[in-house]
Amino acid sequence: MQRQGLELTASAWDELVRRYAGLVLFVVRSHGLSPEDEEAVSRLVWLRLVERLDRIDAGALPAWLAAVTREECAHVRRLRPDPDGVLEAASRHQALREALDRLVPADRDLLTMLAADPPLSEAEISRALGIPVPDIGPARSRVLAEVRANLTVVA
């Protein structure tokens, strides 16, 4: 294999793959991908190595392979969301929405203001809701406890 002045014989490439295939496989399997995705990631890692072979220091190769393998696994996971995970997240979101809907409007307004981005100061929240500043913390704790109780009822 000839790449920008670097020559790697087929037997040298085979030895390189033999030596580090276990490392790549270990990192891939630690990401819980499907067998098809594991195989695809492994192929991509070796392709990335071929593409950059002339720029990688031999001493840094194991760390480079592990890092590239992790990056490729993360990329595959982003492209292929777990349907069960998506359904679970949607279910949690719906349960939270229902728990918040059970709150009285003033409590919902308090949580909305506390979660504002950019954050509102306690003085701004106090003025908007007519709650004394020292009462905002305890009110927050009370409302969050109510949300947790509502989540238990919904679940």
Protein backbone atom coordinates (compact mmCIF):
# COMPACT_ATOMS: atom_id res chain seq x y z
CA MET A 1 0.00 0.00 0.00
CA GLN A 2 1.56 3.34 -1.05
CA ARG A 3 0.43 6.61 0.59
CA GLN A 4 2.41 9.82 0.21
CA GLY A 5 5.78 8.16 0.40
CA LEU A 6 4.82 5.64 3.10
CA GLU A 7 4.93 2.05 1.99
CA LEU A 8 3.07 -0.62 3.90
CA THR A 9 3.17 -4.13 2.59
CA ALA A 10 0.13 -6.37 2.68
CA SER A 11 1.77 -8.55 5.34
CA ALA A 12 2.62 -5.48 7.46
CA TRP A 13 -1.01 -4.30 7.17
CA ASP A 14 -2.26 -7.77 8.15
CA GLU A 15 0.04 -7.73 11.20
CA LEU A 16 -1.19 -4.26 12.17
CA VAL A 17 -4.83 -5.36 11.95
CA ARG A 18 -4.10 -8.60 13.82
CA ARG A 19 -2.33 -6.71 16.61
CA TYR A 20 -5.04 -4.07 17.15
CA ALA A 21 -8.28 -5.75 16.06
CA GLY A 22 -8.97 -6.82 19.64
CA LEU A 23 -8.66 -3.23 20.87
CA VAL A 24 -11.06 -1.96 18.21
CA LEU A 25 -13.50 -4.78 18.93
CA PHE A 26 -13.34 -4.16 22.70
CA VAL A 27 -14.14 -0.45 22.28
CA VAL A 28 -16.92 -1.14 19.77
CA ARG A 29 -18.57 -3.76 21.98
CA SER A 30 -18.46 -1.45 24.99
CA HIS A 31 -20.91 0.84 23.17
CA GLY A 32 -23.73 -1.71 22.93
CA LEU A 33 -24.23 -1.49 19.17
CA SER A 34 -25.98 -4.08 17.06
CA PRO A 35 -23.71 -6.67 15.38
CA GLU A 36 -24.26 -4.94 12.03
CA ASP A 37 -23.25 -1.58 13.47
CA GLU A 38 -20.25 -3.12 15.23
CA GLU A 39 -19.04 -4.47 11.90
CA ALA A 40 -19.67 -1.15 10.13
CA VAL A 41 -17.79 0.82 12.79
CA SER A 42 -14.86 -1.59 12.66
CA ARG A 43 -14.62 -1.19 8.89
CA LEU A 44 -14.80 2.61 9.24
CA VAL A 45 -12.02 2.65 11.83
CA TRP A 46 -9.69 0.69 9.57
CA LEU A 47 -10.62 2.95 6.65
CA ARG A 48 -9.79 6.03 8.75
CA LEU A 49 -6.44 4.45 9.57
CA VAL A 50 -5.67 3.88 5.89
CA GLU A 51 -6.62 7.49 5.14
CA ARG A 52 -4.32 8.86 7.88
CA LEU A 53 -1.61 6.23 8.05
CA ASP A 54 1.07 8.65 6.93
CA ARG A 55 0.22 11.09 9.76
CA ILE A 56 0.01 8.79 12.78
CA ASP A 57 2.96 8.13 15.05
CA ALA A 58 3.33 4.39 15.70
CA GLY A 59 3.53 4.98 19.46
CA ALA A 60 0.23 6.84 19.42
CA LEU A 61 -1.58 4.25 17.31
CA PRO A 62 -3.42 2.36 20.11
CA ALA A 63 -4.77 5.59 21.63
CA TRP A 64 -5.65 6.92 18.17
CA LEU A 65 -7.52 3.72 17.28
CA ALA A 66 -9.46 3.78 20.57
CA ALA A 67 -10.38 7.45 20.13
CA VAL A 68 -11.49 7.04 16.52
CA THR A 69 -13.49 3.93 17.43
CA ARG A 70 -15.30 5.82 20.21
CA GLU A 71 -16.04 8.71 17.81
CA GLU A 72 -17.42 6.37 15.14
CA CYS A 73 -19.56 4.52 17.72
CA ALA A 74 -20.99 7.81 18.96
CA HIS A 75 -21.70 8.84 15.39
CA VAL A 76 -23.54 5.60 14.65
CA ARG A 77 -25.55 5.90 17.88
CA ARG A 78 -26.59 9.44 16.93
CA LEU A 79 -27.71 8.22 13.51
CA ARG A 80 -29.60 5.21 14.85
CA PRO A 81 -31.59 6.14 17.93
CA ASP A 82 -32.82 3.19 19.93
CA PRO A 83 -36.60 2.94 19.29
CA ASP A 84 -37.19 1.75 22.86
CA GLY A 85 -35.16 4.67 24.19
CA VAL A 86 -37.08 7.12 22.04
CA LEU A 87 -40.40 5.69 23.26
CA GLU A 88 -39.22 5.77 26.88
CA ALA A 89 -38.12 9.41 26.58
CA ALA A 90 -41.42 10.34 24.95
CA SER A 91 -43.30 8.55 27.71
CA ARG A 92 -41.31 10.38 30.41
CA HIS A 93 -41.90 13.69 28.65
CA GLN A 94 -45.65 13.00 28.47
CA ALA A 95 -45.76 12.00 32.15
CA LEU A 96 -43.97 15.21 33.13
CA ARG A 97 -46.33 17.27 30.97
CA GLU A 98 -49.33 15.62 32.67
CA ALA A 99 -47.80 16.17 36.14
CA LEU A 100 -47.25 19.85 35.36
CA ASP A 101 -50.78 20.17 33.98
CA ARG A 102 -52.12 19.05 37.38
CA LEU A 103 -50.54 22.08 39.07
CA VAL A 104 -52.53 25.21 39.77
CA PRO A 105 -51.61 28.02 37.35
CA ALA A 106 -49.66 30.02 39.97
CA ASP A 107 -47.40 27.03 40.72
CA ARG A 108 -46.91 26.34 37.01
CA ASP A 109 -45.98 30.02 36.53
CA LEU A 110 -43.44 29.79 39.36
CA LEU A 111 -41.72 26.77 37.80
CA THR A 112 -41.77 28.42 34.38
CA MET A 113 -40.10 31.53 35.75
CA LEU A 114 -37.55 29.53 37.73
CA ALA A 115 -36.63 27.62 34.57
CA ALA A 116 -36.47 30.71 32.32
CA ASP A 117 -33.50 31.13 30.02
CA PRO A 118 -31.92 33.55 30.61
CA PRO A 119 -32.64 33.10 34.31
CA LEU A 120 -34.83 35.62 36.09
CA SER A 121 -33.70 37.06 39.41
CA GLU A 122 -35.66 36.28 42.55
CA ALA A 123 -36.61 39.97 42.69
CA GLU A 124 -38.13 39.73 39.17
CA ILE A 125 -40.04 36.58 40.10
CA SER A 126 -41.20 38.21 43.34
CA ARG A 127 -42.57 41.23 41.48
CA ALA A 128 -44.21 39.16 38.73
CA LEU A 129 -45.91 36.68 41.05
CA GLY A 130 -46.39 38.79 44.15
CA ILE A 131 -44.42 36.35 46.30
CA PRO A 132 -41.95 37.72 48.88
CA VAL A 133 -38.35 36.83 47.93
CA PRO A 134 -37.81 34.74 51.11
CA ASP A 135 -40.85 32.61 50.19
CA ILE A 136 -39.63 31.68 46.67
CA GLY A 137 -37.28 28.86 47.82
CA PRO A 138 -39.86 27.14 50.01
CA ALA A 139 -42.53 27.57 47.32
CA ARG A 140 -40.16 26.02 44.79
CA SER A 141 -39.56 23.02 47.08
CA ARG A 142 -43.30 22.59 47.68
CA VAL A 143 -44.16 22.76 43.96
CA LEU A 144 -41.39 20.32 42.97
CA ALA A 145 -42.60 17.90 45.64
CA GLU A 146 -46.07 18.19 44.15
CA VAL A 147 -44.71 17.50 40.65
CA ARG A 148 -42.92 14.40 41.98
CA ALA A 149 -46.17 13.22 43.62
CA ASN A 150 -48.05 13.88 40.37
CA LEU A 151 -45.43 11.86 38.46
CA THR A 152 -46.05 8.93 40.79
CA VAL A 153 -49.80 9.21 40.19
CA VAL A 154 -49.29 9.34 36.40
CA ALA A 155 -46.84 6.43 36.33
